[in-house]
Amino acid sequence: MKPTQTTITRRQFLTATTAAAGLALPQWLSAAGETGCCIEWGVCTSLKKAAVLKAAGFQFVEENVSSVLVPKAGDEEFEKKLAEIKAAPLPIRSCTGFLPGDLKVVGPEVPMDALMKHAETVFRRAQKAGIGRIVFGSGGSRRIPEGFDAAKAKEQFTGYCRRIAPLAQAHKVIVVIESLNKAECNFINRVSEALDIVDAVNHPGVQVHVDIYHMMREGEGPESILKAGAKVKHCHIAEKAKRTAPGVDGDDFRAYFKALKAIGYRGGLSIEGKWKDDQLPKAISVLNEQLKSA
C-alpha cells in the first residue's frame, strides 16, 4: 500500500514552524496569504518616532538621507547618528531625499564630481547603517529648468543613474526612482516613466519605486505596477485628497495591492504623508485588511 502524499503550502509550512518555535506569524505574511507577496509596513518619519511606530504594529522607519546619513557632515558626526540608529527600537530600512535641492542632476550646469561624491558617501553610510533602499525622488534636484530641453534632461538623469548603479550595488544598496505628481515636479511623473529610465540603465543597482499616492494623483492605474514587475523594489502610500494616512478618508487601495500581489512583491511599503500618532493603529489595520482582501 502506497503511503498517502500530503502537500502543504509555503504559508502553512511557515505557520507550523513559527508556531512550533513559539513565534507569532508576521502580520505581513498573514496579510499576504499564499501569493508570494510579502510586505513590511513602515512610516516616513523621524527615528525619534520609532517607539510609537512599533507600538502601532509597524516594522520599520523610513528616514531622510540628510537627517541620518548626514552626507554633508564628517564621519564623526555620522558615527553618532549610527549609534542612535542601532539603539532604536525599530530599524531604518529605507531613506527618502537622496539628493538635496541645491545639487542639480539636470540642467545647464551639472556638478558631476559633487554628485558622485555625494552618492558614494550616502551609499557607504547606508551600508553601515543597514539601510537597503534609497528613494530617488529629489524633485528640487531633478526639476527641469524653464526652457531647458526635456530630452537632454532625461539623458543627463539616465547617465547619472548609470554611473551610480554599480556604486550602489557595491554597497548593497538599491536606488529606487520615484515618480512625483506634476504639482511637485515636472519630470518623471509616472511609474511608467521611471521604468523607462530603469530599463535604459539596465542595472540591478537602480530600480523602480511605486508611490500609490502619486499614481492616484496622476490617474495612473495599477497596470504600471504589473508592467514594472520584479523591478519594483520599494513603495509609498497615502490617501489621494490630502495625503492623509490610510483610514482617514477611507481610500480603497485594493487594486494597487492586487497588482503588488500579482508581481509577487516582497519589500517595504511606507506611509508618506500627514498623520497623527493616534491614527497609526487604524492605518495599519486598514492596510492589512485591504492587502488581505485584494
C-alpha atoms as a PDB file:
ATOM      1  CA  MET A   1       0.000   0.000   0.000  1.00  0.00           C
ATOM      2  CA  LYS A   2       1.453   3.337  -1.023  1.00  0.00           C
ATOM      3  CA  PRO A   3       1.821   5.995   1.675  1.00  0.00           C
ATOM      4  CA  THR A   4      -0.527   8.960   1.422  1.00  0.00           C
ATOM      5  CA  GLN A   5       1.226  12.027  -0.019  1.00  0.00           C
ATOM      6  CA  THR A   6       0.401  15.295   1.698  1.00  0.00           C
ATOM      7  CA  THR A   7       1.081  18.644   0.059  1.00  0.00           C
ATOM      8  CA  ILE A   8       1.285  21.791   2.160  1.00  0.00           C
ATOM      9  CA  THR A   9       1.673  25.357   1.040  1.00  0.00           C
ATOM     10  CA  ARG A  10       4.638  27.548   1.900  1.00  0.00           C
ATOM     11  CA  ARG A  11       2.458  29.623   4.204  1.00  0.00           C
ATOM     12  CA  GLN A  12       1.189  26.507   6.021  1.00  0.00           C
ATOM     13  CA  PHE A  13       4.787  25.361   6.478  1.00  0.00           C
ATOM     14  CA  LEU A  14       5.847  28.734   7.832  1.00  0.00           C
ATOM     15  CA  THR A  15       2.798  28.893  10.080  1.00  0.00           C
ATOM     16  CA  ALA A  16       3.594  25.484  11.531  1.00  0.00           C
ATOM     17  CA  THR A  17       7.291  26.130  12.030  1.00  0.00           C
ATOM     18  CA  THR A  18       6.817  29.545  13.594  1.00  0.00           C
ATOM     19  CA  ALA A  19       4.141  28.173  15.903  1.00  0.00           C
ATOM     20  CA  ALA A  20       6.423  25.308  16.917  1.00  0.00           C
ATOM     21  CA  ALA A  21       9.124  27.814  17.730  1.00  0.00           C
ATOM     22  CA  GLY A  22       6.707  29.838  19.841  1.00  0.00           C
ATOM     23  CA  LEU A  23       6.715  32.766  17.406  1.00  0.00           C
ATOM     24  CA  ALA A  24       3.832  34.813  16.077  1.00  0.00           C
ATOM     25  CA  LEU A  25       3.258  34.749  12.337  1.00  0.00           C
ATOM     26  CA  PRO A  26       4.339  38.173  10.974  1.00  0.00           C
ATOM     27  CA  GLN A  27       1.453  40.458  10.028  1.00  0.00           C
ATOM     28  CA  TRP A  28       2.780  40.976   6.539  1.00  0.00           C
ATOM     29  CA  LEU A  29       2.857  37.232   5.897  1.00  0.00           C
ATOM     30  CA  SER A  30      -0.637  36.770   7.324  1.00  0.00           C
ATOM     31  CA  ALA A  31      -1.974  39.543   5.105  1.00  0.00           C
ATOM     32  CA  ALA A  32      -0.112  38.376   2.023  1.00  0.00           C
ATOM     33  CA  GLY A  33      -1.691  34.944   2.006  1.00  0.00           C
ATOM     34  CA  GLU A  34      -0.174  32.457  -0.417  1.00  0.00           C
ATOM     35  CA  THR A  35       0.664  34.791  -3.292  1.00  0.00           C
ATOM     36  CA  GLY A  36       4.368  35.211  -2.563  1.00  0.00           C
ATOM     37  CA  CYS A  37       3.754  38.901  -1.830  1.00  0.00           C
ATOM     38  CA  CYS A  38       5.350  39.777   1.497  1.00  0.00           C
ATOM     39  CA  ILE A  39       5.135  43.358   2.704  1.00  0.00           C
ATOM     40  CA  GLU A  40       6.672  45.078   5.709  1.00  0.00           C
ATOM     41  CA  TRP A  41       4.883  48.253   6.821  1.00  0.00           C
ATOM     42  CA  GLY A  42       6.810  51.426   7.602  1.00  0.00           C
ATOM     43  CA  VAL A  43       6.306  55.159   8.018  1.00  0.00           C
ATOM     44  CA  CYS A  44       8.357  58.055   6.658  1.00  0.00           C
ATOM     45  CA  THR A  45       9.242  59.982   9.784  1.00  0.00           C
ATOM     46  CA  SER A  46      11.965  60.783  12.302  1.00  0.00           C
ATOM     47  CA  LEU A  47      13.741  57.944  14.056  1.00  0.00           C
ATOM     48  CA  LYS A  48      12.508  59.549  17.277  1.00  0.00           C
ATOM     49  CA  LYS A  49       9.064  58.173  16.426  1.00  0.00           C
ATOM     50  CA  ALA A  50      10.285  54.567  16.267  1.00  0.00           C
ATOM     51  CA  ALA A  51       8.703  53.531  19.578  1.00  0.00           C
ATOM     52  CA  VAL A  52       5.334  54.996  18.524  1.00  0.00           C
ATOM     53  CA  LEU A  53       5.505  53.124  15.221  1.00  0.00           C
ATOM     54  CA  LYS A  54       6.450  49.867  16.901  1.00  0.00           C
ATOM     55  CA  ALA A  55       3.579  50.142  19.385  1.00  0.00           C
ATOM     56  CA  ALA A  56       1.168  50.603  16.466  1.00  0.00           C
ATOM     57  CA  GLY A  57       2.486  47.485  14.711  1.00  0.00           C
ATOM     58  CA  PHE A  58       4.839  48.905  12.096  1.00  0.00           C
ATOM     59  CA  GLN A  59       8.103  47.126  11.333  1.00  0.00           C
ATOM     60  CA  PHE A  60      10.468  49.853  10.195  1.00  0.00           C
ATOM     61  CA  VAL A  61      11.158  53.565   9.969  1.00  0.00           C
ATOM     62  CA  GLU A  62      11.834  55.357   6.703  1.00  0.00           C
ATOM     63  CA  GLU A  63      14.086  58.311   7.430  1.00  0.00           C
ATOM     64  CA  ASN A  64      15.644  61.076   5.351  1.00  0.00           C
ATOM     65  CA  VAL A  65      19.150  60.936   3.891  1.00  0.00           C
ATOM     66  CA  SER A  66      20.152  64.348   5.206  1.00  0.00           C
ATOM     67  CA  SER A  67      18.900  63.570   8.733  1.00  0.00           C
ATOM     68  CA  VAL A  68      20.512  60.209   9.432  1.00  0.00           C
ATOM     69  CA  LEU A  69      23.254  59.759   6.823  1.00  0.00           C
ATOM     70  CA  VAL A  70      24.319  63.417   7.062  1.00  0.00           C
ATOM     71  CA  PRO A  71      26.270  63.384   3.754  1.00  0.00           C
ATOM     72  CA  LYS A  72      27.477  66.974   4.234  1.00  0.00           C
ATOM     73  CA  ALA A  73      28.984  66.159   7.636  1.00  0.00           C
ATOM     74  CA  GLY A  74      32.146  64.326   8.606  1.00  0.00           C
ATOM     75  CA  ASP A  75      32.376  60.712   9.700  1.00  0.00           C
ATOM     76  CA  GLU A  76      32.485  61.642  13.387  1.00  0.00           C
ATOM     77  CA  GLU A  77      29.004  63.144  13.243  1.00  0.00           C
ATOM     78  CA  PHE A  78      27.737  60.175  11.254  1.00  0.00           C
ATOM     79  CA  GLU A  79      29.064  57.743  13.860  1.00  0.00           C
ATOM     80  CA  LYS A  80      26.883  59.498  16.445  1.00  0.00           C
ATOM     81  CA  LYS A  81      23.892  59.044  14.164  1.00  0.00           C
ATOM     82  CA  LEU A  82      24.842  55.412  13.629  1.00  0.00           C
ATOM     83  CA  ALA A  83      24.800  54.785  17.377  1.00  0.00           C
ATOM     84  CA  GLU A  84      21.276  56.243  17.524  1.00  0.00           C
ATOM     85  CA  ILE A  85      20.170  54.038  14.641  1.00  0.00           C
ATOM     86  CA  LYS A  86      21.496  50.890  16.296  1.00  0.00           C
ATOM     87  CA  ALA A  87      19.858  51.778  19.625  1.00  0.00           C
ATOM     88  CA  ALA A  88      16.420  52.485  18.135  1.00  0.00           C
ATOM     89  CA  PRO A  89      13.512  50.091  18.763  1.00  0.00           C
ATOM     90  CA  LEU A  90      12.897  49.730  15.018  1.00  0.00           C
ATOM     91  CA  PRO A  91      15.358  49.534  12.104  1.00  0.00           C
ATOM     92  CA  ILE A  92      15.628  52.059   9.300  1.00  0.00           C
ATOM     93  CA  ARG A  93      15.052  50.074   6.105  1.00  0.00           C
ATOM     94  CA  SER A  94      14.997  52.968   3.646  1.00  0.00           C
ATOM     95  CA  CYS A  95      15.637  56.684   3.218  1.00  0.00           C
ATOM     96  CA  THR A  96      13.990  59.398   1.162  1.00  0.00           C
ATOM     97  CA  GLY A  97      15.597  62.589  -0.140  1.00  0.00           C
ATOM     98  CA  PHE A  98      18.597  61.181  -1.997  1.00  0.00           C
ATOM     99  CA  LEU A  99      19.776  64.499  -3.476  1.00  0.00           C
ATOM    100  CA  PRO A 100      19.369  67.946  -1.903  1.00  0.00           C
ATOM    101  CA  GLY A 101      17.622  70.591  -3.983  1.00  0.00           C
ATOM    102  CA  ASP A 102      20.788  72.643  -4.444  1.00  0.00           C
ATOM    103  CA  LEU A 103      22.657  69.733  -6.055  1.00  0.00           C
ATOM    104  CA  LYS A 104      21.251  69.718  -9.576  1.00  0.00           C
ATOM    105  CA  VAL A 105      21.211  66.490 -11.564  1.00  0.00           C
ATOM    106  CA  VAL A 106      19.689  68.073 -14.690  1.00  0.00           C
ATOM    107  CA  GLY A 107      20.099  71.460 -16.331  1.00  0.00           C
ATOM    108  CA  PRO A 108      22.804  73.641 -17.891  1.00  0.00           C
ATOM    109  CA  GLU A 109      25.272  73.015 -15.056  1.00  0.00           C
ATOM    110  CA  VAL A 110      25.520  69.536 -13.535  1.00  0.00           C
ATOM    111  CA  PRO A 111      28.353  69.184 -10.980  1.00  0.00           C
ATOM    112  CA  MET A 112      29.103  65.523 -11.649  1.00  0.00           C
ATOM    113  CA  ASP A 113      32.080  65.272  -9.286  1.00  0.00           C
ATOM    114  CA  ALA A 114      29.981  66.577  -6.392  1.00  0.00           C
ATOM    115  CA  LEU A 115      27.076  64.313  -7.359  1.00  0.00           C
ATOM    116  CA  MET A 116      29.304  61.232  -7.378  1.00  0.00           C
ATOM    117  CA  LYS A 117      30.959  62.166  -4.094  1.00  0.00           C
ATOM    118  CA  HIS A 118      27.526  62.605  -2.527  1.00  0.00           C
ATOM    119  CA  ALA A 119      26.363  59.222  -3.814  1.00  0.00           C
ATOM    120  CA  GLU A 120      29.465  57.438  -2.531  1.00  0.00           C
ATOM    121  CA  THR A 121      29.029  58.933   0.936  1.00  0.00           C
ATOM    122  CA  VAL A 122      25.321  58.101   1.069  1.00  0.00           C
ATOM    123  CA  PHE A 123      25.759  54.506  -0.091  1.00  0.00           C
ATOM    124  CA  ARG A 124      28.755  53.809   2.155  1.00  0.00           C
ATOM    125  CA  ARG A 125      26.941  55.107   5.216  1.00  0.00           C
ATOM    126  CA  ALA A 126      23.684  53.385   4.262  1.00  0.00           C
ATOM    127  CA  GLN A 127      25.518  50.075   4.156  1.00  0.00           C
ATOM    128  CA  LYS A 128      26.981  50.657   7.621  1.00  0.00           C
ATOM    129  CA  ALA A 129      23.509  51.506   8.941  1.00  0.00           C
ATOM    130  CA  GLY A 130      21.828  48.506   7.305  1.00  0.00           C
ATOM    131  CA  ILE A 131      19.703  50.713   5.044  1.00  0.00           C
ATOM    132  CA  GLY A 132      18.965  48.900   1.798  1.00  0.00           C
ATOM    133  CA  ARG A 133      16.806  51.347  -0.173  1.00  0.00           C
ATOM    134  CA  ILE A 134      17.484  54.950  -1.180  1.00  0.00           C
ATOM    135  CA  VAL A 135      14.475  56.687  -2.727  1.00  0.00           C
ATOM    136  CA  PHE A 136      15.368  58.948  -5.653  1.00  0.00           C
ATOM    137  CA  GLY A 137      12.547  61.462  -5.630  1.00  0.00           C
ATOM    138  CA  SER A 138      14.515  64.673  -5.144  1.00  0.00           C
ATOM    139  CA  GLY A 139      12.122  66.912  -7.063  1.00  0.00           C
ATOM    140  CA  GLY A 140      14.190  70.042  -6.460  1.00  0.00           C
ATOM    141  CA  SER A 141      17.322  68.433  -7.844  1.00  0.00           C
ATOM    142  CA  ARG A 142      15.761  66.901 -10.920  1.00  0.00           C
ATOM    143  CA  ARG A 143      13.291  69.649 -11.817  1.00  0.00           C
ATOM    144  CA  ILE A 144      13.894  70.690 -15.427  1.00  0.00           C
ATOM    145  CA  PRO A 145      14.703  74.438 -15.652  1.00  0.00           C
ATOM    146  CA  GLU A 146      12.350  76.527 -17.768  1.00  0.00           C
ATOM    147  CA  GLY A 147      13.438  76.463 -21.386  1.00  0.00           C
ATOM    148  CA  PHE A 148      15.814  73.539 -20.913  1.00  0.00           C
ATOM    149  CA  ASP A 149      15.439  70.620 -23.336  1.00  0.00           C
ATOM    150  CA  ALA A 150      13.477  67.778 -21.709  1.00  0.00           C
ATOM    151  CA  ALA A 151      15.198  65.117 -23.811  1.00  0.00           C
ATOM    152  CA  LYS A 152      18.598  66.407 -22.684  1.00  0.00           C
ATOM    153  CA  ALA A 153      17.422  66.350 -19.053  1.00  0.00           C
ATOM    154  CA  LYS A 154      16.332  62.721 -19.388  1.00  0.00           C
ATOM    155  CA  GLU A 155      19.722  61.902 -20.912  1.00  0.00           C
ATOM    156  CA  GLN A 156      21.510  63.607 -18.007  1.00  0.00           C
ATOM    157  CA  PHE A 157      19.398  61.872 -15.378  1.00  0.00           C
ATOM    158  CA  THR A 158      19.793  58.475 -17.032  1.00  0.00           C
ATOM    159  CA  GLY A 159      23.529  58.990 -17.354  1.00  0.00           C
ATOM    160  CA  TYR A 160      23.866  59.761 -13.657  1.00  0.00           C
ATOM    161  CA  CYS A 161      21.829  56.689 -12.767  1.00  0.00           C
ATOM    162  CA  ARG A 162      24.131  54.572 -14.932  1.00  0.00           C
ATOM    163  CA  ARG A 163      27.130  55.902 -13.017  1.00  0.00           C
ATOM    164  CA  ILE A 164      25.713  55.374  -9.539  1.00  0.00           C
ATOM    165  CA  ALA A 165      24.158  51.946 -10.183  1.00  0.00           C
ATOM    166  CA  PRO A 166      27.352  49.867  -9.765  1.00  0.00           C
ATOM    167  CA  LEU A 167      28.384  52.026  -6.809  1.00  0.00           C
ATOM    168  CA  ALA A 168      25.062  51.339  -5.103  1.00  0.00           C
ATOM    169  CA  GLN A 169      25.365  47.618  -5.786  1.00  0.00           C
ATOM    170  CA  ALA A 170      28.880  47.536  -4.351  1.00  0.00           C
ATOM    171  CA  HIS A 171      27.443  48.893  -1.081  1.00  0.00           C
ATOM    172  CA  LYS A 172      24.434  46.523  -1.108  1.00  0.00           C
ATOM    173  CA  VAL A 173      22.031  49.396  -1.733  1.00  0.00           C
ATOM    174  CA  ILE A 174      19.277  49.754  -4.315  1.00  0.00           C
ATOM    175  CA  VAL A 175      18.339  53.214  -5.572  1.00  0.00           C
ATOM    176  CA  VAL A 176      14.647  53.360  -6.473  1.00  0.00           C
ATOM    177  CA  ILE A 177      13.390  56.040  -8.855  1.00  0.00           C
ATOM    178  CA  GLU A 178      10.217  57.668  -7.564  1.00  0.00           C
ATOM    179  CA  SER A 179       7.661  59.263  -9.852  1.00  0.00           C
ATOM    180  CA  LEU A 180       6.265  62.545  -8.488  1.00  0.00           C
ATOM    181  CA  ASN A 181       2.964  64.126  -9.480  1.00  0.00           C
ATOM    182  CA  LYS A 182       3.089  67.225 -11.673  1.00  0.00           C
ATOM    183  CA  ALA A 183       2.269  69.564  -8.791  1.00  0.00           C
ATOM    184  CA  GLU A 184       5.601  68.599  -7.193  1.00  0.00           C
ATOM    185  CA  CYS A 185       7.928  68.147 -10.168  1.00  0.00           C
ATOM    186  CA  ASN A 186       7.908  68.482 -13.955  1.00  0.00           C
ATOM    187  CA  PHE A 187       9.973  65.359 -14.666  1.00  0.00           C
ATOM    188  CA  ILE A 188       9.216  61.632 -14.168  1.00  0.00           C
ATOM    189  CA  ASN A 189       5.567  61.930 -13.175  1.00  0.00           C
ATOM    190  CA  ARG A 190       4.505  58.314 -13.732  1.00  0.00           C
ATOM    191  CA  VAL A 191       5.798  54.894 -12.730  1.00  0.00           C
ATOM    192  CA  SER A 192       5.900  54.036 -16.438  1.00  0.00           C
ATOM    193  CA  GLU A 193       8.370  56.915 -16.972  1.00  0.00           C
ATOM    194  CA  ALA A 194      10.552  55.736 -14.107  1.00  0.00           C
ATOM    195  CA  LEU A 195      10.509  52.260 -15.645  1.00  0.00           C
ATOM    196  CA  ASP A 196      11.722  53.661 -18.985  1.00  0.00           C
ATOM    197  CA  ILE A 197      14.802  55.049 -17.244  1.00  0.00           C
ATOM    198  CA  VAL A 198      15.387  51.880 -15.230  1.00  0.00           C
ATOM    199  CA  ASP A 199      15.212  49.851 -18.441  1.00  0.00           C
ATOM    200  CA  ALA A 200      17.725  52.196 -20.084  1.00  0.00           C
ATOM    201  CA  VAL A 201      20.096  51.948 -17.111  1.00  0.00           C
ATOM    202  CA  ASN A 202      19.727  48.167 -17.118  1.00  0.00           C
ATOM    203  CA  HIS A 203      21.471  47.531 -13.796  1.00  0.00           C
ATOM    204  CA  PRO A 204      20.191  45.977 -10.547  1.00  0.00           C
ATOM    205  CA  GLY A 205      21.535  48.931  -8.563  1.00  0.00           C
ATOM    206  CA  VAL A 206      18.776  51.221  -9.896  1.00  0.00           C
ATOM    207  CA  GLN A 207      15.183  50.013  -9.817  1.00  0.00           C
ATOM    208  CA  VAL A 208      11.569  51.245  -9.646  1.00  0.00           C
ATOM    209  CA  HIS A 209       9.739  52.888  -6.763  1.00  0.00           C
ATOM    210  CA  VAL A 210       5.941  52.805  -6.584  1.00  0.00           C
ATOM    211  CA  ASP A 211       4.160  55.635  -4.759  1.00  0.00           C
ATOM    212  CA  ILE A 212       0.443  54.894  -4.799  1.00  0.00           C
ATOM    213  CA  TYR A 213      -0.403  58.447  -3.722  1.00  0.00           C
ATOM    214  CA  HIS A 214       1.409  59.957  -6.720  1.00  0.00           C
ATOM    215  CA  MET A 215      -0.087  57.318  -9.013  1.00  0.00           C
ATOM    216  CA  MET A 216      -3.614  58.246  -7.899  1.00  0.00           C
ATOM    217  CA  ARG A 217      -2.908  61.973  -8.256  1.00  0.00           C
ATOM    218  CA  GLU A 218      -1.756  61.360 -11.842  1.00  0.00           C
ATOM    219  CA  GLY A 219      -4.588  58.970 -12.669  1.00  0.00           C
ATOM    220  CA  GLU A 220      -2.096  56.159 -13.228  1.00  0.00           C
ATOM    221  CA  GLY A 221      -3.601  52.727 -12.775  1.00  0.00           C
ATOM    222  CA  PRO A 222      -2.124  49.531 -11.324  1.00  0.00           C
ATOM    223  CA  GLU A 223      -1.212  48.243 -14.781  1.00  0.00           C
ATOM    224  CA  SER A 224       2.054  50.194 -14.464  1.00  0.00           C
ATOM    225  CA  ILE A 225       2.941  48.062 -11.435  1.00  0.00           C
ATOM    226  CA  LEU A 226       2.246  44.920 -13.455  1.00  0.00           C
ATOM    227  CA  LYS A 227       4.482  46.184 -16.268  1.00  0.00           C
ATOM    228  CA  ALA A 228       7.339  47.026 -13.900  1.00  0.00           C
ATOM    229  CA  GLY A 229       7.077  43.609 -12.262  1.00  0.00           C
ATOM    230  CA  ALA A 230      10.129  42.433 -10.381  1.00  0.00           C
ATOM    231  CA  LYS A 231      11.805  45.816 -10.847  1.00  0.00           C
ATOM    232  CA  VAL A 232       9.548  47.297  -8.144  1.00  0.00           C
ATOM    233  CA  LYS A 233      11.746  47.373  -5.049  1.00  0.00           C
ATOM    234  CA  HIS A 234      10.031  49.828  -2.685  1.00  0.00           C
ATOM    235  CA  CYS A 235       6.643  51.508  -2.187  1.00  0.00           C
ATOM    236  CA  HIS A 236       4.942  54.507  -0.563  1.00  0.00           C
ATOM    237  CA  ILE A 237       1.280  55.143   0.146  1.00  0.00           C
ATOM    238  CA  ALA A 238      -1.115  57.886   1.313  1.00  0.00           C
ATOM    239  CA  GLU A 239      -4.669  58.915   0.589  1.00  0.00           C
ATOM    240  CA  LYS A 240      -5.278  60.942  -2.554  1.00  0.00           C
ATOM    241  CA  ALA A 241      -7.056  64.123  -1.472  1.00  0.00           C
ATOM    242  CA  LYS A 242      -4.932  65.417   1.407  1.00  0.00           C
ATOM    243  CA  ARG A 243      -2.094  62.873   1.561  1.00  0.00           C
ATOM    244  CA  THR A 244      -3.501  61.516   4.816  1.00  0.00           C
ATOM    245  CA  ALA A 245      -2.825  58.141   6.385  1.00  0.00           C
ATOM    246  CA  PRO A 246      -4.894  55.159   5.203  1.00  0.00           C
ATOM    247  CA  GLY A 247      -8.187  55.042   7.069  1.00  0.00           C
ATOM    248  CA  VAL A 248      -8.705  58.805   7.419  1.00  0.00           C
ATOM    249  CA  ASP A 249     -10.722  59.437   4.238  1.00  0.00           C
ATOM    250  CA  GLY A 250     -11.351  55.769   3.518  1.00  0.00           C
ATOM    251  CA  ASP A 251      -9.486  55.415   0.200  1.00  0.00           C
ATOM    252  CA  ASP A 252      -9.553  51.949  -1.340  1.00  0.00           C
ATOM    253  CA  PHE A 253      -6.081  50.787  -2.410  1.00  0.00           C
ATOM    254  CA  ARG A 254      -7.050  47.196  -3.239  1.00  0.00           C
ATOM    255  CA  ALA A 255      -6.491  47.477  -6.999  1.00  0.00           C
ATOM    256  CA  TYR A 256      -2.886  48.549  -6.392  1.00  0.00           C
ATOM    257  CA  PHE A 257      -2.389  45.888  -3.716  1.00  0.00           C
ATOM    258  CA  LYS A 258      -3.761  43.285  -6.110  1.00  0.00           C
ATOM    259  CA  ALA A 259      -1.119  44.327  -8.641  1.00  0.00           C
ATOM    260  CA  LEU A 260       1.618  44.085  -5.991  1.00  0.00           C
ATOM    261  CA  LYS A 261       0.395  40.589  -5.167  1.00  0.00           C
ATOM    262  CA  ALA A 262       0.373  39.672  -8.847  1.00  0.00           C
ATOM    263  CA  ILE A 263       4.061  40.566  -9.240  1.00  0.00           C
ATOM    264  CA  GLY A 264       4.974  38.784  -6.008  1.00  0.00           C
ATOM    265  CA  TYR A 265       6.253  41.980  -4.422  1.00  0.00           C
ATOM    266  CA  ARG A 266       8.434  41.417  -1.387  1.00  0.00           C
ATOM    267  CA  GLY A 267       9.629  44.508   0.438  1.00  0.00           C
ATOM    268  CA  GLY A 268       8.680  47.655   2.293  1.00  0.00           C
ATOM    269  CA  LEU A 269       5.671  49.906   1.931  1.00  0.00           C
ATOM    270  CA  SER A 270       5.760  53.177   3.870  1.00  0.00           C
ATOM    271  CA  ILE A 271       3.117  55.739   4.689  1.00  0.00           C
ATOM    272  CA  GLU A 272       4.443  59.058   3.418  1.00  0.00           C
ATOM    273  CA  GLY A 273       2.187  61.972   4.233  1.00  0.00           C
ATOM    274  CA  LYS A 274       0.226  63.641   7.018  1.00  0.00           C
ATOM    275  CA  TRP A 275      -0.712  61.617  10.080  1.00  0.00           C
ATOM    276  CA  LYS A 276      -1.133  61.768  13.825  1.00  0.00           C
ATOM    277  CA  ASP A 277       0.135  59.223  16.329  1.00  0.00           C
ATOM    278  CA  ASP A 278      -3.361  58.055  17.246  1.00  0.00           C
ATOM    279  CA  GLN A 279      -4.182  57.382  13.561  1.00  0.00           C
ATOM    280  CA  LEU A 280      -1.411  54.819  13.102  1.00  0.00           C
ATOM    281  CA  PRO A 281      -3.121  51.742  14.648  1.00  0.00           C
ATOM    282  CA  LYS A 282      -6.126  52.221  12.351  1.00  0.00           C
ATOM    283  CA  ALA A 283      -3.831  52.852   9.380  1.00  0.00           C
ATOM    284  CA  ILE A 284      -2.017  49.551   9.766  1.00  0.00           C
ATOM    285  CA  SER A 285      -5.300  47.740  10.359  1.00  0.00           C
ATOM    286  CA  VAL A 286      -6.688  49.172   7.110  1.00  0.00           C
ATOM    287  CA  LEU A 287      -3.505  48.297   5.215  1.00  0.00           C
ATOM    288  CA  ASN A 288      -3.533  44.699   6.469  1.00  0.00           C
ATOM    289  CA  GLU A 289      -7.236  44.232   5.734  1.00  0.00           C
ATOM    290  CA  GLN A 290      -7.040  45.716   2.232  1.00  0.00           C
ATOM    291  CA  LEU A 291      -3.923  43.734   1.337  1.00  0.00           C
ATOM    292  CA  LYS A 292      -5.550  40.530   2.561  1.00  0.00           C
ATOM    293  CA  SER A 293      -8.796  41.129   0.656  1.00  0.00           C
ATOM    294  CA  ALA A 294      -7.213  42.482  -2.548  1.00  0.00           C
END
